[in-house]
């Protein structure tokens, strides 16, 4: 029971960070989290420790826990890792591609389009990030899917801090082009499109730009569930 409660807190806070409801630098007060989830501060502390291991939370002695604020150097390193990792993932996907997998990706892209055309920013952000995880899931590689999920959560912090303008529509279009190349069995083309897509996201970042900090109570109430 304690493990499942801790995991639920970790998953909820990760989702809040990945969908930009919790912004970099937000203080994560243990008592407020304990009250919200209806658990002890000990379980909250365990969840925050797990998030700190994933670099989503920073634990500061005598000050508490805060949503991490990645530096420019860290941001560039995260995107470099993603380009290396996802290039090989794309090659492997083409080699093991099936019509069923392609249909699943096209369905995801259609959902992205609906979200981009709508007004739900949280859904849009989540779906755009999930495209990459979905590729790993369709390959049957749960380790890769989990690793990508962690990296994409870190990227959500980075884009929240440094992205100068919304690039959601552009990212959606690039996802569609990647799927077309995958469907055609064009391994090199798909790899080039994936790397270019990630590079476009990185080059859209303005490292002299800072977003205002959010309040924990604002972020918890509309999104996180006990």
Protein backbone atom coordinates (compact mmCIF):
# COMPACT_ATOMS: atom_id res chain seq x y z
CA UNK A 1 0.00 0.00 0.00
CA UNK A 2 2.79 2.42 0.91
CA UNK A 3 4.65 1.64 -2.32
CA UNK A 4 1.55 2.21 -4.44
CA UNK A 5 0.84 5.50 -2.66
CA UNK A 6 4.40 6.68 -3.22
CA UNK A 7 4.23 5.67 -6.89
CA UNK A 8 0.95 7.53 -7.31
CA UNK A 9 2.52 10.71 -5.96
CA UNK A 10 5.57 10.29 -8.22
CA UNK A 11 3.37 9.72 -11.28
CA UNK A 12 1.10 12.66 -10.51
CA UNK A 13 3.94 15.11 -9.92
CA UNK A 14 5.80 13.85 -12.99
CA UNK A 15 2.68 14.40 -15.09
CA UNK A 16 2.24 17.87 -13.61
CA UNK A 17 5.82 18.74 -14.54
CA UNK A 18 5.63 17.17 -18.01
CA UNK A 19 2.44 19.06 -18.84
CA UNK A 20 3.82 22.36 -17.52
CA UNK A 21 1.39 22.66 -14.60
CA UNK A 22 4.30 22.72 -12.17
CA UNK A 23 6.94 25.19 -13.25
CA UNK A 24 10.68 25.25 -12.53
CA UNK A 25 11.53 26.57 -9.10
CA UNK A 26 8.12 25.80 -7.56
CA UNK A 27 8.48 24.83 -3.89
CA UNK A 28 6.99 21.42 -3.14
CA UNK A 29 5.84 21.75 0.45
CA UNK A 30 5.68 18.34 2.13
CA UNK A 31 2.67 19.13 4.32
CA UNK A 32 0.66 20.57 1.45
CA UNK A 33 1.37 17.48 -0.65
CA UNK A 34 0.55 15.18 2.27
CA UNK A 35 -2.78 16.94 2.80
CA UNK A 36 -3.63 16.79 -0.90
CA UNK A 37 -2.85 13.09 -1.32
CA UNK A 38 -4.12 12.08 2.13
CA UNK A 39 -0.88 10.39 3.11
CA UNK A 40 1.90 10.88 5.65
CA UNK A 41 4.81 13.24 5.11
CA UNK A 42 7.06 10.17 5.15
CA UNK A 43 5.46 8.87 1.93
CA UNK A 44 5.68 12.32 0.37
CA UNK A 45 9.37 12.47 1.30
CA UNK A 46 9.94 9.08 -0.36
CA UNK A 47 8.24 10.30 -3.54
CA UNK A 48 10.28 13.49 -3.61
CA UNK A 49 13.46 11.46 -3.19
CA UNK A 50 12.53 9.35 -6.25
CA UNK A 51 11.82 12.50 -8.27
CA UNK A 52 15.18 13.90 -7.19
CA UNK A 53 16.88 10.77 -8.52
CA UNK A 54 15.20 11.47 -11.88
CA UNK A 55 16.49 15.08 -11.72
CA UNK A 56 12.95 16.48 -11.78
CA UNK A 57 13.19 17.74 -8.20
CA UNK A 58 16.04 19.37 -6.30
CA UNK A 59 16.33 18.72 -2.56
CA UNK A 60 17.98 21.55 -0.65
CA UNK A 61 19.07 21.12 2.99
CA UNK A 62 17.00 23.24 5.40
CA UNK A 63 14.95 24.63 2.50
CA UNK A 64 13.02 21.65 1.17
CA UNK A 65 12.13 20.37 -2.29
CA UNK A 66 11.79 22.42 -5.46
CA UNK A 67 10.97 21.61 -9.08
CA UNK A 68 14.38 21.58 -10.75
CA UNK A 69 15.63 24.50 -12.83
CA UNK A 70 17.92 23.00 -15.48
CA UNK A 71 20.86 25.08 -16.69
CA UNK A 72 21.66 25.82 -20.33
CA UNK A 73 24.47 23.26 -20.24
CA UNK A 74 22.15 20.58 -18.86
CA UNK A 75 19.52 21.44 -21.46
CA UNK A 76 21.98 20.98 -24.31
CA UNK A 77 23.20 17.69 -22.84
CA UNK A 78 19.65 16.35 -22.51
CA UNK A 79 18.88 17.12 -26.15
CA UNK A 80 22.20 15.60 -27.26
CA UNK A 81 21.31 12.37 -25.44
CA UNK A 82 17.84 12.34 -26.97
CA UNK A 83 19.22 12.75 -30.49
CA UNK A 84 21.62 9.83 -30.01
CA UNK A 85 19.03 7.61 -28.36
CA UNK A 86 16.14 8.36 -30.67
CA UNK A 87 18.21 8.00 -33.84
CA UNK A 88 18.87 4.37 -32.96
CA UNK A 89 15.29 3.90 -31.81
CA UNK A 90 14.09 5.14 -35.20
CA UNK A 91 16.38 2.70 -37.03
CA UNK A 92 15.12 -0.17 -34.92
CA UNK A 93 11.50 0.86 -35.45
CA UNK A 94 11.89 0.79 -39.24
CA UNK A 95 13.53 -2.63 -39.10
CA UNK A 96 10.67 -4.05 -37.02
CA UNK A 97 7.86 -1.99 -38.51
CA UNK A 98 4.44 -3.50 -39.21
CA UNK A 99 1.22 -2.01 -40.63
CA UNK A 100 -0.33 -2.27 -37.16
CA UNK A 101 2.45 -0.20 -35.60
CA UNK A 102 2.21 2.44 -38.33
CA UNK A 103 -1.57 2.67 -37.85
CA UNK A 104 -1.07 3.16 -34.13
CA UNK A 105 1.38 6.02 -34.74
CA UNK A 106 -0.92 7.64 -37.31
CA UNK A 107 -3.75 7.46 -34.79
CA UNK A 108 -1.54 9.20 -32.25
CA UNK A 109 -0.68 11.94 -34.76
CA UNK A 110 -4.39 12.44 -35.46
CA UNK A 111 -4.99 12.92 -31.74
CA UNK A 112 -2.13 15.42 -31.68
CA UNK A 113 -3.76 17.38 -34.48
CA UNK A 114 -7.05 17.56 -32.63
CA UNK A 115 -5.21 18.76 -29.51
CA UNK A 116 -3.21 21.36 -31.47
CA UNK A 117 -6.43 22.71 -32.98
CA UNK A 118 -8.14 22.75 -29.58
CA UNK A 119 -7.66 24.82 -26.45
CA UNK A 120 -6.45 22.19 -23.97
CA UNK A 121 -2.76 23.07 -23.62
CA UNK A 122 -2.16 20.28 -21.10
CA UNK A 123 -3.45 17.59 -23.47
CA UNK A 124 -1.46 19.08 -26.36
CA UNK A 125 1.81 19.08 -24.41
CA UNK A 126 1.27 15.55 -23.15
CA UNK A 127 0.44 14.09 -26.56
CA UNK A 128 3.39 15.75 -28.30
CA UNK A 129 5.79 14.31 -25.74
CA UNK A 130 4.09 10.92 -25.75
CA UNK A 131 4.72 10.45 -29.49
CA UNK A 132 8.33 9.49 -28.76
CA UNK A 133 7.41 7.20 -25.88
CA UNK A 134 4.72 5.60 -28.04
CA UNK A 135 7.33 4.56 -30.60
CA UNK A 136 9.29 2.74 -27.89
CA UNK A 137 6.13 1.10 -26.52
CA UNK A 138 5.15 -0.17 -29.97
CA UNK A 139 8.60 -1.75 -30.24
CA UNK A 140 7.86 -3.63 -27.02
CA UNK A 141 10.83 -2.05 -25.23
CA UNK A 142 9.55 -0.96 -21.83
CA UNK A 143 13.02 0.03 -20.59
CA UNK A 144 13.43 2.40 -23.53
CA UNK A 145 9.92 3.76 -23.04
CA UNK A 146 10.61 4.49 -19.38
CA UNK A 147 13.98 6.08 -20.14
CA UNK A 148 12.46 8.28 -22.82
CA UNK A 149 9.61 9.23 -20.51
CA UNK A 150 12.12 10.45 -17.93
CA UNK A 151 14.09 12.42 -20.54
CA UNK A 152 10.95 13.99 -21.96
CA UNK A 153 9.85 15.06 -18.49
CA UNK A 154 13.22 16.80 -18.12
CA UNK A 155 12.71 18.37 -21.55
CA UNK A 156 9.35 19.70 -20.38
CA UNK A 157 11.15 21.64 -17.65
CA UNK A 158 13.67 22.92 -20.18
CA UNK A 159 11.07 24.10 -22.70
CA UNK A 160 9.02 25.69 -19.94
CA UNK A 161 12.02 27.75 -18.86
CA UNK A 162 13.54 28.57 -22.21
CA UNK A 163 11.12 28.15 -25.10
CA UNK A 164 10.39 31.59 -26.51
CA UNK A 165 7.18 30.72 -28.37
CA UNK A 166 4.82 27.81 -28.81
CA UNK A 167 6.04 25.34 -31.42
CA UNK A 168 3.24 22.80 -30.95
CA UNK A 169 1.87 22.95 -34.52
CA UNK A 170 5.36 22.66 -35.99
CA UNK A 171 6.22 19.66 -33.80
CA UNK A 172 2.99 17.95 -34.82
CA UNK A 173 3.80 18.44 -38.52
CA UNK A 174 7.27 17.00 -38.02
CA UNK A 175 5.82 13.96 -36.24
CA UNK A 176 3.60 13.37 -39.28
CA UNK A 177 6.60 13.52 -41.62
CA UNK A 178 8.50 11.04 -39.42
CA UNK A 179 5.59 8.58 -39.57
CA UNK A 180 5.43 8.92 -43.38
CA UNK A 181 9.12 8.00 -43.60
CA UNK A 182 8.63 5.07 -41.21
CA UNK A 183 5.69 3.82 -43.27
CA UNK A 184 7.80 4.01 -46.44
CA UNK A 185 10.58 2.01 -44.82
CA UNK A 186 12.96 4.92 -45.37
CA UNK A 187 15.37 4.29 -42.50
CA UNK A 188 17.88 7.06 -43.25
CA UNK A 189 15.15 9.56 -44.05
CA UNK A 190 13.28 8.79 -40.84
CA UNK A 191 16.48 9.13 -38.77
CA UNK A 192 17.31 12.47 -40.38
CA UNK A 193 13.78 13.76 -39.77
CA UNK A 194 13.88 12.68 -36.11
CA UNK A 195 17.24 14.35 -35.50
CA UNK A 196 16.14 17.51 -37.31
CA UNK A 197 12.93 17.58 -35.26
CA UNK A 198 14.80 17.41 -31.95
CA UNK A 199 17.31 20.00 -33.17
CA UNK A 200 14.45 22.35 -34.12
CA UNK A 201 13.05 22.11 -30.60
CA UNK A 202 16.47 22.83 -29.10
CA UNK A 203 17.19 25.79 -31.38
CA UNK A 204 13.82 27.33 -30.46
CA UNK A 205 15.06 27.79 -26.89
CA UNK A 206 16.00 31.26 -25.67
CA UNK A 207 18.43 30.80 -22.82
CA UNK A 208 18.08 34.38 -21.60
CA UNK A 209 14.33 33.83 -21.10
CA UNK A 210 12.81 32.90 -17.72
CA UNK A 211 9.19 31.99 -17.06
CA UNK A 212 7.43 33.18 -13.87
CA UNK A 213 7.13 30.62 -11.12
CA UNK A 214 3.88 28.81 -10.41
CA UNK A 215 2.20 28.21 -7.07
CA UNK A 216 1.88 24.63 -5.84
CA UNK A 217 -1.75 24.97 -4.78
CA UNK A 218 -2.68 26.25 -8.26
CA UNK A 219 -0.96 23.33 -9.92
CA UNK A 220 -2.41 20.66 -7.65
CA UNK A 221 -6.07 21.53 -7.71
CA UNK A 222 -6.94 21.21 -11.41
CA UNK A 223 -4.69 18.33 -12.33
CA UNK A 224 -3.31 16.02 -9.66
CA UNK A 225 -5.44 13.30 -8.20
CA UNK A 226 -4.80 11.49 -4.90
